[in-house]
Each structure stands twice: as structure tokens, then as C-alpha cells.
Amino acid sequence: MFSVVLVEGEPLPQLVLDSFPRCGVIFPRNPLGARYAALGQCSERAYYNRPGCSGSGGAAHVRVVDLRSDTVTKPGPAMRQAMAEAEVGDDVMGEDPTVNELQKIAAEMFGMEASLFVPSGTMSNLIAVMVHCRERGDEMIVGDLSHLHIYEQGGSAQLAGVHATTVTTRPDGTFNLMQLEAKIRHGYPDPHYPRTRLICVENTHNIQGGRVLPLPFLQEVRALADRYGLSVHLDGARVMNAAVALDVPPSTILQHTHTVSVCLSKGLGSPVGTLLAGPQDFISRAVRCRKALGGGMRQAGVLAAAGKLSLQQMVERLGEDHHNARTFALALLDCEPSLFVVDMSAVETNILRFRIKDSALSSQEFCARMGQVGVGEEAALGQGVQVLMYPHHENSIRAVWHLGISPEDTQLAIKKMQFVAAQLLNEQVKAQ
């Protein structure tokens, strides 16, 4: 029995593969849990996978292409130097000059009055909910496939006492505005119902494969919110990817929201940190919430220095990740035998979701084969290649490109995919 965990932070799935014949294809027993655990211990990856990494696949030289998430990025030499040389102070007292400078840079870039440096995106979103929904029992409206609703442990209810009601997330990350309007509560202070305070949107949309929300949609959501006196919060963990994809400054997107949470530790490459931005009075209240949640850090300039470099030097290069993801997607469509289904119109940023045509081949089995060094692989490819990806729902697979994956790595991942496809075809032929 397979157990697949659909989480953004992404604990590894349990991949214990049993022998079973289906549709004439026989998949061998091959427990891989230990292999994946060992891969996580490789410490030789830098910005790109230049060095070899001796994995547990039995190969002397194994290249690891880690497409599990853009959270696996590691700071390079320039970022480490900036961190080491950062001027610091006590941020809880408002005296860390590097944190203050980062917050100023972010506010100006986002077109907001102020911003706040917090440890994580989950905390940032929770703080936003706590500030917008000021009373226990208030309600927010979220997409049913949103990160905030699925992957953040229900913290808004668990810690803030805020109720969530959902609207259906469309494949492009948007939702029906008529349905959204129908979810707004009326009649406050009727004691039977919560009070609607907040609408949350997500850009880019994680589960739907890095989809970029159209600007007209955001404009309509904001107009609806204004009509009913509600606030709009954007979970913009990857909003910089959206800005690059649309070729607009982030402020063009964020003008349609009241507040935003922007992650620094995904495609932007910082080791830690998220920026929460909005009006000055909102940020003043957010400071109090951050402290209550244990997010007040002291000499945080060491981390903020990395964030400054992320905003100033790492944004434009996100286009490289988008290009690499699209290159791999096109290779999936060109693969012989034809195993994969890819909607190229949905490949907009650095996240790729694709499906397997044959129901006899599970996404778990495919990911397992991509993550191990197969028999004859070194001879065919010139080296062992372990491509790490996650099984997703509906027999799909999720792969994420980031600054740790070069065009060369992408080509290696393509060759490995082609090798696995050929291997599966040979096994099917032999089984007939």
C-alpha cells in the first residue's frame, strides 16, 4: 500500500513497491525508502549540481537533480558573504539596520506602506489572518486548494480562532466570482453566523502547478471586496515568479490586494524568511502578532542580508527556472513511447504538473524509478542520475525548478526520463 503526503514542505512519501502485474506490465519489488533518506544526506550540492554525489544507487558517480521543491535551494558564496558581513542589532527593539533596510526595500518594491520580516510563510499568512480578522469567530474565504487552507495545519482556526469557508479552485488558480460573492455572510451581528472579514488568494498557485492569476481576476476580487468592506490578502509566496511571468513589477500585481506575504526562501534563494507587507497600521499590529507567535528574532540582520540579495539580485533569474520547466515539459510530450499528459498552456512558471497516461504505472512507481540508478543506466547515460520528484494527486507528478537546477541538469533529467520510459517499454514487451 502506498502512502503519499501532499505537502508543500514535503516530507518524503513512503515508496515501498510490491510486485504486481497489471495490463501486461510487471513492476519489480524495489523498496526505495532508504534510498531517498540517503539522498537527503548529500551535502555536496552548491548552486548547481556540479559535483558528483555518491548516493545509495551503487554508482561511483551519481548526479542528483532535486526537483522536489524550490525550498531546497542553498545560499551561494555571495549570499553567505553578505550574511557574514551583515550589520546587526536587536530587531525586536527595531534596532537591526539590515532588517530595517530589507523591510524598506520590500515595501517600496511591493508598493506597500510598510513590511515586516518574519521567519516563515506559514507564520506570515497566520499573522495576516490574525490582524485582518480581529475577533475570534470571524471568517475568511479561501480557495479549497489553497496552501493556506491545506498545508498550514489549520492554524487560522487552531491558533487564531478564525473560521474558513471555501470556494472551488479552478485549474488556473482562480475561482468563480459569483460563488465568492455568495459566500459572504450578511446580517451581522446575527448570533448564528460568523462575520466575513477577509478574502485570500494565492499567486502563483502551488497545487495547480504554479499558475499565474490574471490581473483582471485580481482586480475583480478587489472590487468585490471593496463593495462589501472586506480585505484581500495575497499568499504571494511565489508572487515574484508571477511578476516575471507577466513581465510586470510586483507592485502591478499587488495594487489589487491590501496585504501580501512574499517568501524569500524559495526561488529567491534565501535560507530563511518571508516578508509581510501592507498598510502601516496593519504592520504595527502584525509586529504584536509576530511576537506572540514567537517570531520576534534578535540579531536577525544575518538573515535579512540574504533577503536583501534575494530581492535585489535573484528576481530576474527566475525566468531561467520557467524556461527550464518548459523545456522539460516539451520533452515529456516528445517522449517515445508516449507516456505523459502535459497541458503546455498551464506551464507558466517554475512548477510543472504532468500525468501518466497508463493507469498501470503509478506516479509513485515513476518517481521511484526516476530516483534510483537503474540497471544499465551508467552505460546508457554515462553516469548515474537520480531525479527527485513528488507523486501528486490524480496520478500526477510535481516537479519544481529553482536556482539549484541548471540547463545541464534539466537535460540530464530529460535523458533520465527517456531512459525510464524505454525501460518500462522493454519490460512491457518482455511480459507479453
Protein backbone atom coordinates (compact mmCIF):
# COMPACT_ATOMS: atom_id res chain seq x y z
CA MET A 1 0.00 0.00 0.00
CA PHE A 2 1.36 3.42 -0.92
CA SER A 3 1.18 6.45 1.34
CA VAL A 4 1.58 9.78 -0.46
CA VAL A 5 1.76 13.00 1.54
CA LEU A 6 0.58 16.12 -0.35
CA VAL A 7 2.51 18.79 1.46
CA GLU A 8 4.34 21.86 0.30
CA GLY A 9 7.12 21.48 2.88
CA GLU A 10 7.05 17.91 1.64
CA PRO A 11 8.01 15.09 3.94
CA LEU A 12 9.11 12.23 1.71
CA PRO A 13 6.48 9.73 0.58
CA GLN A 14 6.69 6.11 1.68
CA LEU A 15 7.63 4.27 -1.50
CA VAL A 16 7.54 0.55 -0.86
CA LEU A 17 6.93 -1.09 -4.21
CA ASP A 18 5.35 -4.50 -4.37
CA SER A 19 5.38 -6.81 -7.38
CA PHE A 20 2.08 -6.71 -9.18
CA PRO A 21 1.04 -7.47 -12.77
CA ARG A 22 -1.38 -5.04 -14.40
CA CYS A 23 -2.24 -4.62 -18.06
CA GLY A 24 0.67 -6.83 -19.05
CA VAL A 25 3.28 -4.70 -17.25
CA ILE A 26 5.23 -6.22 -14.36
CA PHE A 27 6.86 -3.93 -11.83
CA PRO A 28 9.59 -5.48 -9.66
CA ARG A 29 9.79 -5.26 -5.89
CA ASN A 30 12.21 -2.48 -5.02
CA PRO A 31 12.00 -0.78 -1.59
CA LEU A 32 13.30 2.75 -2.00
CA GLY A 33 12.60 4.49 1.29
CA ALA A 34 16.19 4.07 2.44
CA ARG A 35 17.48 5.36 -0.90
CA TYR A 36 15.51 8.58 -0.57
CA ALA A 37 16.65 9.03 3.03
CA ALA A 38 20.26 8.65 1.98
CA LEU A 39 19.87 11.21 -0.79
CA GLY A 40 18.89 13.81 1.73
CA GLN A 41 22.27 13.44 3.40
CA CYS A 42 24.28 14.52 0.36
CA SER A 43 25.97 17.79 1.29
CA GLU A 44 27.90 18.42 -1.90
CA ARG A 45 25.29 20.43 -3.85
CA ALA A 46 26.02 24.12 -4.44
CA TYR A 47 24.11 26.49 -6.73
CA TYR A 48 24.20 23.87 -9.46
CA ASN A 49 24.83 20.16 -9.17
CA ARG A 50 28.38 20.40 -10.47
CA PRO A 51 29.99 17.92 -8.04
CA GLY A 52 29.09 14.26 -8.12
CA CYS A 53 27.21 12.92 -5.16
CA SER A 54 27.71 9.33 -4.15
CA GLY A 55 24.20 8.13 -3.47
CA SER A 56 22.96 4.73 -2.44
CA GLY A 57 22.27 3.65 -6.00
CA GLY A 58 25.51 1.70 -6.18
CA ALA A 59 27.10 4.03 -8.73
CA ALA A 60 30.51 5.55 -8.14
CA HIS A 61 29.39 8.84 -9.63
CA VAL A 62 25.77 9.86 -9.26
CA ARG A 63 24.31 13.22 -10.24
CA VAL A 64 21.31 14.33 -8.15
CA VAL A 65 18.73 16.59 -9.79
CA ASP A 66 16.43 17.65 -6.97
CA LEU A 67 13.07 18.79 -8.33
CA ARG A 68 11.07 18.18 -5.15
CA SER A 69 10.65 21.86 -4.31
CA ASP A 70 12.26 25.27 -4.67
CA THR A 71 12.63 25.21 -0.88
CA VAL A 72 15.75 23.04 -1.25
CA THR A 73 17.85 25.95 -2.54
CA LYS A 74 21.07 26.75 -0.70
CA PRO A 75 22.83 30.11 -0.37
CA GLY A 76 25.81 30.59 -2.67
CA PRO A 77 29.13 32.26 -1.84
CA ALA A 78 27.93 35.84 -2.40
CA MET A 79 24.92 35.34 -0.15
CA ARG A 80 26.99 33.65 2.54
CA GLN A 81 29.46 36.55 2.45
CA ALA A 82 26.64 39.09 2.77
CA MET A 83 25.30 37.21 5.76
CA ALA A 84 28.72 37.02 7.39
CA GLU A 85 29.31 40.76 6.96
CA ALA A 86 25.81 41.92 7.92
CA GLU A 87 25.47 44.80 10.36
CA VAL A 88 23.12 43.69 13.11
CA GLY A 89 21.17 44.96 16.10
CA ASP A 90 18.18 43.91 18.18
CA ASP A 91 15.27 43.63 15.76
CA VAL A 92 12.65 43.19 18.48
CA MET A 93 13.70 46.67 19.60
CA GLY A 94 13.63 47.84 15.98
CA GLU A 95 17.37 48.38 16.01
CA ASP A 96 18.68 45.94 13.40
CA PRO A 97 19.77 48.17 10.49
CA THR A 98 19.89 45.33 7.95
CA VAL A 99 16.37 44.17 8.81
CA ASN A 100 15.12 47.74 8.63
CA GLU A 101 16.72 48.23 5.23
CA LEU A 102 15.26 44.96 3.91
CA GLN A 103 11.79 45.98 5.09
CA LYS A 104 12.13 49.36 3.40
CA ILE A 105 13.33 47.82 0.13
CA ALA A 106 10.45 45.34 0.16
CA ALA A 107 7.77 47.93 0.92
CA GLU A 108 8.94 50.09 -1.97
CA MET A 109 9.18 47.14 -4.35
CA PHE A 110 5.71 45.88 -3.43
CA GLY A 111 4.09 49.32 -3.49
CA MET A 112 3.07 49.00 0.18
CA GLU A 113 3.47 51.43 3.07
CA ALA A 114 5.47 49.04 5.23
CA SER A 115 6.69 45.47 5.55
CA LEU A 116 7.74 43.06 8.29
CA PHE A 117 10.41 40.33 8.21
CA VAL A 118 9.12 37.07 9.70
CA PRO A 119 10.62 33.57 9.92
CA SER A 120 8.26 31.71 7.57
CA GLY A 121 5.44 31.96 5.08
CA THR A 122 3.11 29.97 7.32
CA MET A 123 3.66 32.44 10.15
CA SER A 124 3.27 35.37 7.78
CA ASN A 125 -0.09 34.14 6.50
CA LEU A 126 -1.27 33.41 10.04
CA ILE A 127 -0.29 36.90 11.19
CA ALA A 128 -2.21 38.38 8.26
CA VAL A 129 -5.32 36.41 9.21
CA MET A 130 -4.98 37.44 12.85
CA VAL A 131 -4.71 41.13 12.00
CA HIS A 132 -7.45 41.19 9.39
CA CYS A 133 -9.83 39.02 11.46
CA ARG A 134 -9.67 40.83 14.76
CA GLU A 135 -12.25 38.84 16.70
CA ARG A 136 -12.41 35.13 17.39
CA GLY A 137 -15.18 33.69 15.26
CA ASP A 138 -14.52 35.97 12.29
CA GLU A 139 -14.43 34.25 8.91
CA MET A 140 -12.16 34.24 5.88
CA ILE A 141 -12.92 32.97 2.38
CA VAL A 142 -10.20 30.83 0.79
CA GLY A 143 -9.81 28.56 -2.22
CA ASP A 144 -10.38 24.91 -1.40
CA LEU A 145 -6.97 24.03 -2.88
CA SER A 146 -5.08 26.95 -1.40
CA HIS A 147 -1.85 26.50 0.51
CA LEU A 148 -3.28 28.43 3.43
CA HIS A 149 -6.25 26.06 3.66
CA ILE A 150 -4.49 22.73 3.07
CA TYR A 151 -0.84 22.97 4.07
CA GLU A 152 -0.74 25.23 7.13
CA GLN A 153 -2.31 22.89 9.70
CA GLY A 154 -5.47 24.94 10.03
CA GLY A 155 -3.53 27.45 12.08
CA SER A 156 -6.11 30.16 11.48
CA ALA A 157 -8.65 28.08 13.39
CA GLN A 158 -6.22 26.37 15.73
CA LEU A 159 -4.42 29.48 16.93
CA ALA A 160 -6.45 32.50 15.81
CA GLY A 161 -10.00 31.22 16.24
CA VAL A 162 -10.85 32.22 12.67
CA HIS A 163 -13.30 30.16 10.66
CA ALA A 164 -12.61 29.39 6.99
CA THR A 165 -15.17 28.87 4.27
CA THR A 166 -14.04 27.72 0.85
CA VAL A 167 -14.71 28.44 -2.81
CA THR A 168 -13.84 25.99 -5.58
CA THR A 169 -10.38 26.49 -7.04
CA ARG A 170 -10.35 26.38 -10.83
CA PRO A 171 -7.50 24.76 -12.78
CA ASP A 172 -5.94 28.19 -13.36
CA GLY A 173 -5.97 29.06 -9.64
CA THR A 174 -8.91 31.47 -9.86
CA PHE A 175 -12.44 30.95 -8.61
CA ASN A 176 -15.94 31.87 -9.69
CA LEU A 177 -16.75 35.39 -8.52
CA MET A 178 -20.46 34.65 -8.19
CA GLN A 179 -19.65 31.77 -5.87
CA LEU A 180 -17.26 34.02 -3.98
CA GLU A 181 -19.93 36.67 -3.50
CA ALA A 182 -22.43 34.04 -2.38
CA LYS A 183 -20.04 33.00 0.41
CA ILE A 184 -20.02 36.46 2.00
CA ARG A 185 -22.07 36.49 5.23
CA HIS A 186 -24.71 39.14 5.76
CA GLY A 187 -26.79 40.15 8.74
CA TYR A 188 -24.05 40.72 11.32
CA PRO A 189 -24.45 40.73 14.31
CA ASP A 190 -26.88 37.83 13.89
CA PRO A 191 -25.57 35.40 16.53
CA HIS A 192 -25.95 32.37 14.27
CA TYR A 193 -23.16 33.18 11.83
CA PRO A 194 -19.52 34.22 11.73
CA ARG A 195 -18.61 37.60 10.30
CA THR A 196 -16.86 37.66 6.92
CA ARG A 197 -13.70 39.75 7.12
CA LEU A 198 -11.18 38.52 4.60
CA ILE A 199 -10.69 37.05 1.11
CA CYS A 200 -7.45 35.15 0.49
CA VAL A 201 -5.95 34.44 -2.94
CA GLU A 202 -2.74 32.64 -3.94
CA ASN A 203 -0.34 33.73 -6.68
CA THR A 204 1.30 31.73 -8.13
CA HIS A 205 -0.95 28.82 -7.26
CA ASN A 206 1.02 25.92 -5.88
CA ILE A 207 -1.30 22.92 -6.20
CA GLN A 208 -2.48 23.95 -9.65
CA GLY A 209 1.07 23.90 -10.94
CA GLY A 210 2.45 27.41 -10.49
CA ARG A 211 -0.42 29.13 -12.27
CA VAL A 212 -0.32 32.91 -12.53
CA LEU A 213 -3.53 34.68 -11.53
CA PRO A 214 -4.73 37.02 -14.30
CA LEU A 215 -4.64 40.70 -13.37
CA PRO A 216 -8.31 41.23 -14.33
CA PHE A 217 -9.30 38.48 -11.89
CA LEU A 218 -7.41 40.16 -9.05
CA GLN A 219 -8.96 43.48 -9.99
CA GLU A 220 -12.46 41.97 -9.83
CA VAL A 221 -11.77 40.30 -6.49
CA ARG A 222 -10.58 43.61 -5.04
CA ALA A 223 -13.65 45.44 -6.39
CA LEU A 224 -15.91 42.82 -4.81
CA ALA A 225 -14.07 43.08 -1.50
CA ASP A 226 -14.30 46.88 -1.52
CA ARG A 227 -18.01 46.69 -2.22
CA TYR A 228 -18.58 44.65 0.95
CA GLY A 229 -15.92 46.25 3.14
CA LEU A 230 -13.62 43.20 3.14
CA SER A 231 -9.86 42.90 2.97
CA VAL A 232 -7.84 40.93 0.38
CA HIS A 233 -4.71 39.07 1.43
CA LEU A 234 -2.42 37.53 -1.17
CA ASP A 235 -0.42 34.45 -0.31
CA GLY A 236 2.35 35.54 -2.65
CA ALA A 237 4.97 33.00 -1.66
CA ARG A 238 5.92 32.90 -5.36
CA VAL A 239 4.48 36.24 -6.47
CA MET A 240 7.89 37.20 -7.86
CA ASN A 241 7.56 34.28 -10.26
CA ALA A 242 4.19 35.70 -11.29
CA ALA A 243 5.71 39.15 -11.84
CA VAL A 244 8.48 37.71 -14.01
CA ALA A 245 5.99 35.60 -15.99
CA LEU A 246 3.78 38.65 -16.63
CA ASP A 247 6.80 40.92 -17.18
CA VAL A 248 5.46 43.49 -14.72
CA PRO A 249 6.78 44.88 -11.43
CA PRO A 250 5.30 43.12 -8.38
CA SER A 251 3.51 46.34 -7.41
CA THR A 252 1.34 45.98 -10.52
CA ILE A 253 0.00 42.72 -9.12
CA LEU A 254 -0.15 43.86 -5.51
CA GLN A 255 -2.11 47.04 -6.16
CA HIS A 256 -5.18 44.81 -6.13
CA THR A 257 -4.53 43.46 -2.62
CA HIS A 258 -4.44 45.01 0.82
CA THR A 259 -1.63 42.80 2.13
CA VAL A 260 0.82 40.23 0.81
CA SER A 261 3.15 37.52 2.09
CA VAL A 262 6.28 37.03 -0.06
CA CYS A 263 8.66 34.13 0.57
CA LEU A 264 12.40 34.71 0.29
CA SER A 265 13.48 31.09 0.76
CA LYS A 266 12.01 29.50 -2.37
CA GLY A 267 13.09 30.60 -5.85
CA LEU A 268 14.76 33.71 -4.44
CA GLY A 269 17.29 31.52 -2.68
CA SER A 270 17.45 32.83 0.89
CA PRO A 271 17.85 30.21 3.63
CA VAL A 272 15.09 31.66 5.83
CA GLY A 273 12.43 34.31 5.82
CA THR A 274 9.24 35.85 4.47
CA LEU A 275 8.10 39.44 4.13
CA LEU A 276 4.60 40.51 5.15
CA ALA A 277 3.61 43.85 3.64
CA GLY A 278 0.66 46.19 3.84
CA PRO A 279 -0.54 49.48 5.34
CA GLN A 280 1.44 50.96 8.24
CA ASP A 281 -1.29 50.36 10.83
CA PHE A 282 -1.61 46.75 9.65
CA ILE A 283 2.15 46.18 10.08
CA SER A 284 2.08 47.81 13.52
CA ARG A 285 -0.48 45.24 14.65
CA ALA A 286 1.42 42.50 12.81
CA VAL A 287 4.50 43.21 14.95
CA ARG A 288 2.49 42.34 18.05
CA CYS A 289 1.18 39.12 16.49
CA ARG A 290 4.67 38.11 15.38
CA LYS A 291 5.91 38.48 18.95
CA ALA A 292 3.02 36.44 20.34
CA LEU A 293 3.75 33.64 17.88
CA GLY A 294 7.42 33.50 18.83
CA GLY A 295 8.62 35.12 15.62
CA GLY A 296 10.48 38.03 17.16
CA MET A 297 14.16 37.50 16.30
CA ARG A 298 17.03 39.48 17.76
CA GLN A 299 20.14 39.90 15.58
CA ALA A 300 18.16 38.88 12.50
CA GLY A 301 20.24 41.03 10.15
CA VAL A 302 22.32 37.93 9.40
CA LEU A 303 19.21 36.50 7.71
CA ALA A 304 17.93 39.81 6.37
CA ALA A 305 21.19 40.30 4.47
CA ALA A 306 20.35 37.21 2.45
CA GLY A 307 16.85 38.59 1.86
CA LYS A 308 18.25 41.85 0.51
CA LEU A 309 20.37 39.99 -2.00
CA SER A 310 17.35 37.88 -2.97
CA LEU A 311 15.23 40.92 -3.79
CA GLN A 312 17.98 42.87 -5.49
CA GLN A 313 19.75 40.17 -7.48
CA MET A 314 17.69 36.97 -7.69
CA VAL A 315 14.37 38.07 -9.20
CA GLU A 316 15.24 38.35 -12.88
CA ARG A 317 16.87 34.93 -12.95
CA LEU A 318 13.52 33.30 -12.09
CA GLY A 319 12.85 33.36 -15.83
CA GLU A 320 15.59 30.73 -16.21
CA ASP A 321 13.61 28.39 -13.97
CA HIS A 322 10.48 28.97 -16.02
CA HIS A 323 12.39 28.20 -19.21
CA ASN A 324 13.90 25.01 -17.77
CA ALA A 325 10.50 23.79 -16.59
CA ARG A 326 9.03 24.38 -20.03
CA THR A 327 11.97 22.60 -21.68
CA PHE A 328 11.32 19.50 -19.58
CA ALA A 329 7.57 19.70 -20.26
CA LEU A 330 8.14 19.75 -24.02
CA ALA A 331 10.45 16.75 -23.69
CA LEU A 332 7.67 14.85 -21.91
CA LEU A 333 5.39 15.45 -24.89
CA ASP A 334 8.10 14.28 -27.30
CA CYS A 335 8.86 11.14 -25.30
CA GLU A 336 8.61 7.80 -27.11
CA PRO A 337 6.76 5.76 -26.03
CA SER A 338 4.09 8.35 -25.27
CA LEU A 339 3.57 8.02 -21.53
CA PHE A 340 2.73 11.51 -20.33
CA VAL A 341 -0.02 14.10 -20.46
CA VAL A 342 1.08 17.73 -20.22
CA ASP A 343 -1.04 20.85 -20.63
CA MET A 344 1.53 23.28 -22.02
CA SER A 345 -0.80 26.24 -21.51
CA ALA A 346 -0.55 25.54 -17.77
CA VAL A 347 3.26 25.60 -17.71
CA GLU A 348 3.63 29.25 -16.79
CA THR A 349 6.33 29.38 -14.12
CA ASN A 350 8.70 27.00 -12.32
CA ILE A 351 6.21 24.35 -11.19
CA LEU A 352 5.28 21.54 -13.56
CA ARG A 353 2.47 19.07 -13.06
CA PHE A 354 2.15 16.22 -15.51
CA ARG A 355 0.18 13.00 -15.61
CA ILE A 356 0.87 9.42 -16.64
CA LYS A 357 -1.40 8.03 -19.34
CA ASP A 358 -1.23 4.37 -18.38
CA SER A 359 -3.11 3.63 -15.17
CA ALA A 360 -0.92 0.55 -14.75
CA LEU A 361 2.01 2.86 -13.97
CA SER A 362 1.51 4.85 -10.80
CA SER A 363 3.09 8.21 -10.13
CA GLN A 364 4.77 6.63 -7.11
CA GLU A 365 6.44 3.97 -9.25
CA PHE A 366 7.59 6.51 -11.82
CA CYS A 367 9.09 8.78 -9.14
CA ALA A 368 10.79 5.79 -7.57
CA ARG A 369 12.41 4.79 -10.85
CA MET A 370 13.50 8.37 -11.53
CA GLY A 371 15.04 8.49 -8.06
CA GLN A 372 17.20 5.38 -8.34
CA VAL A 373 20.08 4.37 -10.59
CA GLY A 374 18.70 1.65 -12.84
CA VAL A 375 20.43 -1.35 -14.36
CA GLY A 376 22.40 -0.29 -17.44
CA GLU A 377 21.87 3.39 -16.72
CA GLU A 378 25.52 4.35 -16.37
CA ALA A 379 26.34 2.73 -19.68
CA ALA A 380 23.41 4.44 -21.39
CA LEU A 381 23.76 7.91 -19.85
CA GLY A 382 27.46 7.99 -19.00
CA GLN A 383 26.68 8.32 -15.28
CA GLY A 384 24.01 7.57 -12.73
CA VAL A 385 21.30 10.22 -12.45
CA GLN A 386 18.81 10.44 -9.61
CA VAL A 387 15.93 12.82 -10.33
CA LEU A 388 13.85 13.56 -7.25
CA MET A 389 10.20 14.47 -7.76
CA TYR A 390 6.99 14.02 -5.80
CA PRO A 391 3.90 11.99 -6.65
CA HIS A 392 0.86 14.26 -6.65
CA HIS A 393 -2.86 13.68 -6.67
CA GLU A 394 -4.79 12.20 -9.62
CA ASN A 395 -1.76 10.09 -10.64
CA SER A 396 0.19 13.22 -11.44
CA ILE A 397 3.76 14.24 -10.66
CA ARG A 398 5.03 17.58 -9.42
CA ALA A 399 8.46 18.89 -10.34
CA VAL A 400 9.82 22.30 -9.35
CA TRP A 401 12.74 24.18 -10.91
CA HIS A 402 14.95 26.55 -8.93
CA LEU A 403 18.36 28.16 -8.82
CA GLY A 404 19.96 24.83 -7.90
CA ILE A 405 18.96 23.35 -11.27
CA SER A 406 20.93 24.38 -14.33
CA PRO A 407 20.04 23.84 -18.01
CA GLU A 408 22.55 20.98 -17.93
CA ASP A 409 20.71 19.40 -15.00
CA THR A 410 17.45 19.76 -16.90
CA GLN A 411 18.91 17.92 -19.88
CA LEU A 412 20.12 15.16 -17.57
CA ALA A 413 16.62 14.90 -16.12
CA ILE A 414 15.23 14.60 -19.66
CA LYS A 415 17.70 11.83 -20.51
CA LYS A 416 16.79 10.01 -17.31
CA MET A 417 13.08 10.33 -18.12
CA GLN A 418 13.70 8.92 -21.59
CA PHE A 419 15.75 6.07 -20.12
CA VAL A 420 12.99 5.17 -17.66
CA ALA A 421 10.36 5.31 -20.42
CA ALA A 422 12.41 2.96 -22.61
CA GLN A 423 12.99 0.67 -19.64
CA LEU A 424 9.25 0.45 -18.99
CA LEU A 425 8.57 -0.31 -22.65
CA ASN A 426 11.13 -3.12 -22.67
CA GLU A 427 9.63 -4.63 -19.55
CA GLN A 428 6.17 -4.48 -21.10
CA VAL A 429 7.37 -6.19 -24.27
CA LYS A 430 9.07 -8.96 -22.30
CA ALA A 431 5.96 -9.50 -20.21
CA GLN A 432 3.77 -10.10 -23.27
